[in-house]
Protein backbone atom coordinates (compact mmCIF):
# COMPACT_ATOMS: atom_id res chain seq x y z
CA MET A 1 0.00 0.00 0.00
CA THR A 2 2.78 2.35 0.71
CA GLY A 3 4.20 1.93 -2.85
CA ALA A 4 0.79 2.52 -4.32
CA ARG A 5 0.35 5.72 -2.44
CA LEU A 6 3.73 6.97 -3.52
CA ARG A 7 2.89 6.35 -7.14
CA LEU A 8 -0.43 8.21 -6.76
CA LEU A 9 1.30 11.16 -5.14
CA ALA A 10 3.88 11.34 -7.93
CA TRP A 11 1.14 11.27 -10.55
CA LEU A 12 -0.70 14.15 -8.83
CA VAL A 13 2.49 16.23 -8.71
CA ALA A 14 3.10 15.63 -12.44
CA LEU A 15 -0.50 16.58 -13.21
CA ALA A 16 -0.16 19.80 -11.25
CA GLY A 17 3.02 20.70 -13.12
CA PHE A 18 1.32 20.04 -16.45
CA LEU A 19 -1.62 22.31 -15.55
CA ALA A 20 0.76 25.05 -14.39
CA ALA A 21 2.56 25.02 -17.74
CA CYS A 22 -0.74 25.57 -19.59
CA ALA A 23 -1.78 28.68 -17.54
CA PRO A 24 -0.98 32.20 -19.11
CA ALA A 25 1.88 34.10 -17.56
CA VAL A 26 1.04 37.33 -15.77
CA GLY A 27 3.50 40.23 -15.74
CA LEU A 28 4.40 42.56 -12.86
CA ASP A 29 1.83 45.10 -13.85
CA GLY A 30 -0.92 42.59 -13.99
CA THR A 31 -1.12 42.48 -17.77
CA VAL A 32 -0.96 39.37 -19.70
CA THR A 33 2.54 39.10 -21.08
CA GLY A 34 1.64 36.51 -23.61
CA GLN A 35 -0.44 38.94 -25.81
CA PRO A 36 1.23 40.91 -28.61
CA VAL A 37 1.67 44.63 -27.88
CA PRO A 38 0.15 46.85 -30.60
CA VAL A 39 2.56 49.41 -32.09
CA SER A 40 1.15 52.85 -32.98
CA SER A 41 2.31 54.59 -36.17
CA ALA A 42 1.57 58.03 -34.71
CA PRO A 43 4.63 60.06 -33.63
CA SER A 44 5.44 59.79 -29.98
CA GLY A 45 4.94 62.79 -27.79
CA ALA A 46 7.66 61.74 -25.42
CA ALA A 47 10.23 64.37 -24.52
CA GLY A 48 13.48 64.24 -26.46
CA ALA A 49 11.93 62.47 -29.46
CA ALA A 50 13.24 63.79 -32.84
CA PRO A 51 10.55 65.59 -34.93
CA ALA A 52 9.58 64.11 -38.27
CA PRO A 53 11.57 65.68 -41.13
CA GLN A 54 9.67 68.50 -42.95
CA GLN A 55 9.46 68.39 -46.77
CA ALA A 56 11.58 71.26 -48.20
CA ALA A 57 9.76 73.77 -50.43
CA ALA A 58 10.76 73.65 -54.14
CA PRO A 59 13.16 76.54 -54.95
CA THR A 60 11.74 79.33 -57.17
CA PRO A 61 13.58 79.26 -60.52
CA THR A 62 15.56 82.38 -61.30
CA PRO A 63 14.03 84.06 -64.39
CA VAL A 64 16.36 84.02 -67.38
CA PRO A 65 16.57 87.48 -68.97
CA ALA A 66 15.56 87.69 -72.65
CA PRO A 67 18.45 88.28 -75.02
CA PRO A 68 18.83 91.93 -76.02
CA GLN A 69 16.97 92.95 -79.18
CA VAL A 70 19.50 93.34 -81.95
CA PRO A 71 18.43 96.10 -84.36
CA ALA A 72 18.17 95.08 -87.99
CA PRO A 73 21.02 96.42 -90.09
CA PRO A 74 20.09 99.39 -92.28
CA PRO A 75 19.33 98.54 -95.91
CA VAL A 76 22.25 98.80 -98.28
CA PRO A 77 21.60 100.84 -101.47
CA GLN A 78 21.44 98.61 -104.51
CA PRO A 79 21.69 99.50 -108.23
CA PHE A 80 18.35 100.83 -109.49
CA ALA A 81 17.13 101.85 -112.95
CA LEU A 82 13.97 103.46 -114.35
CA ASN A 83 13.38 104.30 -118.00
CA LEU A 84 10.14 105.63 -119.55
CA TYR A 85 11.41 105.40 -123.10
CA ARG A 86 9.96 103.08 -125.76
CA GLU A 87 10.82 102.84 -129.40
CA GLY A 88 9.13 105.64 -131.31
CA ASP A 89 8.88 108.14 -128.44
CA PHE A 90 11.61 110.40 -129.81
CA VAL A 91 10.66 113.34 -132.06
CA PRO A 92 13.19 115.67 -133.71
CA GLN A 93 12.66 119.42 -133.75
CA TYR A 94 11.69 120.47 -137.24
CA THR A 95 13.33 123.90 -137.00
CA PHE A 96 16.25 125.13 -134.96
CA ASP A 97 13.79 127.15 -132.85
CA TRP A 98 11.28 124.48 -131.91
CA CYS A 99 13.21 122.55 -129.24
CA VAL A 100 10.61 123.30 -126.55
CA ALA A 101 7.73 122.17 -128.77
CA ALA A 102 9.55 118.99 -129.76
CA SER A 103 10.29 118.31 -126.08
CA ILE A 104 6.57 118.65 -125.33
CA GLN A 105 5.81 116.07 -128.02
CA ILE A 106 8.47 113.73 -126.62
CA ALA A 107 7.07 114.12 -123.10
CA HIS A 108 3.59 113.22 -124.34
CA ASN A 109 4.88 110.08 -126.04
CA LEU A 110 6.78 109.02 -122.91
CA ILE A 111 3.71 109.49 -120.72
CA ASP A 112 1.03 108.06 -123.01
CA ASP A 113 1.07 104.28 -122.73
CA THR A 114 -2.46 103.76 -124.06
CA GLY A 115 -1.37 103.28 -127.65
CA GLY A 116 -3.70 106.08 -128.63
CA GLY A 117 -1.23 107.76 -130.94
CA THR A 118 2.17 109.39 -130.97
CA TRP A 119 2.75 113.12 -131.31
CA THR A 120 5.17 113.47 -134.22
CA GLU A 121 3.63 115.82 -136.77
CA SER A 122 5.51 118.93 -137.86
CA GLY A 123 2.35 121.05 -138.03
CA HIS A 124 1.38 120.06 -134.49
CA GLN A 125 4.88 120.86 -133.28
CA GLY A 126 4.53 124.37 -134.73
CA GLU A 127 1.24 124.83 -132.87
CA LEU A 128 2.82 123.78 -129.59
CA TRP A 129 5.69 126.22 -130.15
CA GLU A 130 3.24 129.07 -130.69
CA MET A 131 1.42 128.11 -127.49
CA ALA A 132 4.65 128.04 -125.47
CA ARG A 133 5.89 131.30 -126.99
CA ALA A 134 2.60 133.05 -126.14
CA ARG A 135 3.03 131.97 -122.51
CA SER A 136 6.68 132.99 -122.25
CA SER A 137 7.59 136.44 -120.99
CA ASN A 138 10.89 138.16 -121.85
CA SER A 139 11.77 135.20 -124.03
CA PHE A 140 13.68 136.91 -126.86
CA ASN A 141 10.67 136.17 -129.07
CA GLY A 142 10.94 132.45 -128.37
CA ALA A 143 9.63 129.93 -125.85
CA ASN A 144 11.17 129.77 -122.40
CA PRO A 145 10.87 127.23 -119.55
CA LEU A 146 7.83 128.98 -118.03
CA GLY A 147 5.89 128.63 -121.29
CA TRP A 148 7.16 125.04 -121.61
CA ALA A 149 5.82 124.08 -118.16
CA GLN A 150 2.51 125.86 -118.71
CA VAL A 151 1.80 124.10 -122.01
CA LEU A 152 2.64 120.70 -120.51
CA THR A 153 0.11 121.42 -117.78
CA GLU A 154 -2.59 122.77 -120.10
CA VAL A 155 -2.50 119.84 -122.55
CA GLY A 156 -3.02 117.34 -119.74
CA MET A 157 0.47 116.15 -118.79
CA GLY A 158 0.89 118.31 -115.72
CA PRO A 159 1.12 119.79 -113.36
CA TYR A 160 4.66 120.96 -114.15
CA ALA A 161 6.71 123.68 -112.46
CA VAL A 162 10.04 125.35 -113.16
CA VAL A 163 12.58 124.97 -110.35
CA SER A 164 16.17 126.11 -109.94
CA VAL A 165 18.56 123.92 -107.95
CA PRO A 166 21.93 125.44 -107.04
CA ASP A 167 23.84 122.15 -106.61
CA TYR A 168 24.42 119.82 -109.56
CA GLN A 169 24.09 116.53 -107.67
CA ASP A 170 20.98 117.80 -105.91
CA ALA A 171 19.50 118.72 -109.28
CA LEU A 172 20.06 115.18 -110.57
CA ARG A 173 18.50 113.67 -107.43
CA THR A 174 15.55 116.08 -107.66
CA ALA A 175 14.91 115.10 -111.27
CA ALA A 176 15.30 111.36 -110.60
CA ARG A 177 12.99 111.46 -107.59
CA ALA A 178 10.33 113.34 -109.59
CA ILE A 179 10.39 110.71 -112.36
CA SER A 180 10.19 107.92 -109.76
CA GLU A 181 7.27 109.50 -107.89
CA THR A 182 5.18 110.70 -110.85
CA GLY A 183 6.09 108.40 -113.74
CA ARG A 184 6.55 111.48 -115.94
CA PRO A 185 9.68 112.90 -117.59
CA VAL A 186 11.67 115.97 -116.56
CA GLY A 187 12.62 118.88 -118.82
CA LEU A 188 16.30 119.88 -118.68
CA VAL A 189 17.13 123.49 -119.52
CA MET A 190 20.43 123.09 -121.37
CA TRP A 191 23.23 125.32 -122.62
CA SER A 192 22.78 127.91 -119.86
CA GLY A 193 19.16 128.49 -120.88
CA ARG A 194 19.40 128.20 -124.67
CA HIS A 195 18.15 124.66 -125.39
CA ALA A 196 15.69 121.99 -124.19
CA TRP A 197 16.25 118.28 -123.54
CA VAL A 198 14.03 115.66 -121.93
CA MET A 199 15.23 113.38 -119.13
CA SER A 200 13.35 110.13 -119.65
CA GLY A 201 14.98 107.95 -117.01
CA PHE A 202 17.99 107.34 -114.80
CA GLU A 203 20.20 104.82 -113.08
CA SER A 204 21.22 105.17 -109.47
CA LEU A 205 22.76 103.50 -106.48
CA GLY A 206 19.69 103.29 -104.28
CA ASP A 207 15.98 103.45 -105.06
CA PRO A 208 14.65 107.03 -104.56
CA ALA A 209 11.49 105.54 -103.07
CA GLN A 210 13.57 103.86 -100.34
CA PHE A 211 16.48 106.22 -99.71
CA GLN A 212 16.44 109.93 -99.04
CA GLU A 213 20.07 110.10 -100.15
CA PHE A 214 21.02 108.16 -103.26
CA LEU A 215 23.58 108.57 -106.01
CA VAL A 216 22.53 109.18 -109.62
CA THR A 217 24.99 107.29 -111.83
CA GLY A 218 23.34 107.65 -115.24
CA ILE A 219 20.83 109.91 -117.01
CA ARG A 220 18.61 108.87 -119.94
CA VAL A 221 18.18 111.81 -122.32
CA GLN A 222 16.34 112.87 -125.48
CA ASP A 223 17.88 115.79 -127.39
CA PRO A 224 15.42 116.92 -130.09
CA LEU A 225 18.29 118.51 -132.02
CA TYR A 226 19.79 115.09 -132.75
CA PRO A 227 21.73 114.41 -134.94
CA HIS A 228 22.96 117.97 -135.41
CA GLY A 229 24.44 119.03 -132.08
CA SER A 230 26.28 122.28 -131.44
CA GLY A 231 29.73 123.45 -132.34
CA GLN A 232 29.99 125.19 -128.97
CA TRP A 233 28.31 122.65 -126.67
CA GLY A 234 29.08 119.40 -128.40
CA PRO A 235 27.26 116.66 -130.31
CA SER A 236 23.69 115.62 -129.61
CA PRO A 237 23.48 112.18 -127.97
CA GLU A 238 21.39 109.52 -129.68
CA PRO A 239 17.81 109.11 -128.44
CA ASN A 240 17.63 107.13 -125.19
CA SER A 241 21.36 107.58 -124.54
CA LEU A 242 22.57 106.88 -121.01
CA LEU A 243 24.98 109.64 -120.02
CA SER A 244 27.17 109.73 -116.96
CA PRO A 245 26.80 112.77 -114.70
CA GLU A 246 30.15 113.98 -116.02
CA GLN A 247 29.00 113.71 -119.63
CA LEU A 248 25.73 115.50 -118.95
CA ALA A 249 27.55 118.27 -117.10
CA THR A 250 29.29 119.39 -120.31
CA GLN A 251 25.93 120.67 -121.64
CA PHE A 252 23.68 120.88 -118.57
CA VAL A 253 25.06 123.94 -116.80
CA VAL A 254 23.83 126.73 -114.56
CA ARG A 255 21.25 128.89 -116.28
CA GLU A 256 22.53 132.30 -117.26
CA PRO A 257 20.31 134.84 -115.45
CA ARG A 258 20.34 137.44 -118.22
CA ARG A 259 18.78 135.02 -120.71
CA TRP A 260 15.29 135.69 -119.38
CA SER A 261 14.00 137.44 -116.33
CA SER A 262 12.34 135.56 -113.50
CA GLU A 263 12.38 135.48 -109.73
CA LEU A 264 14.21 132.17 -109.74
CA PRO A 265 17.80 132.26 -108.46
CA ALA A 266 20.63 131.10 -110.69
CA GLY A 267 21.00 127.36 -110.76
CA TYR A 268 20.31 124.21 -112.75
CA LEU A 269 16.84 124.64 -114.24
CA LEU A 270 14.35 121.78 -114.32
CA VAL A 271 10.86 121.66 -115.80
CA LEU A 272 9.67 119.36 -113.07
CA PRO A 273 6.57 117.14 -112.88
CA VAL A 274 4.61 117.72 -109.67
CA ALA A 275 2.48 115.07 -107.99
CA ARG A 276 -1.17 115.47 -108.85
CA GLY A 277 -3.36 116.52 -105.95
């Protein structure tokens, strides 16, 4: 019996130990230590804790200045040419006195591009000379530039005006610009006031419509005295000749004031087309 009791006691002790191993452990604070402890993702408020890093603001880009505006280079004058002449426009003067009348006929032919007829008749030239002479004062019984300009205006090619330009190069530019702006020819008072030519075109370095200052390099001329010329002033150039300024200057000179009285100062005389109003 004693052995049986000992075995029963040992079995009870083993059973008690088994039950103790199955019981949950309890911590010092009374909480169950066997449960998982939840972890919070919120930042801790405990003293000494490092603050969460702040996101840095994006830097403001420095504006890049626009490149400076480079001014366009000024236009460079280019060779330019204008010529009103067409075959058949030239008319000779039928007497040694009728240069103004022949120049009026030439001007008409240069202006008229309708094909309505060319002024070439001798009788008509005589009528134009009489008209110009009647409108010319102190003209030594001939036609002077004032009568020339007035007839051009009255027969429908005007208005025209007589101008005196003291400087030779300025006179050439004035004549070239007038042809460019009006499309009509210029009368040149030649031989110091004794003869009439027609300037029908020009060549230049620079377009007068684009440049205030330009250089006239050639002058297209019609001398109604061709082919006779003058022993004093030189030969008459062929119709539609292109003369250099130096060549023209041998016959296109300052008007002699005593040739006919006017209020115009001495200078290079032009019978100049004026823009129509």
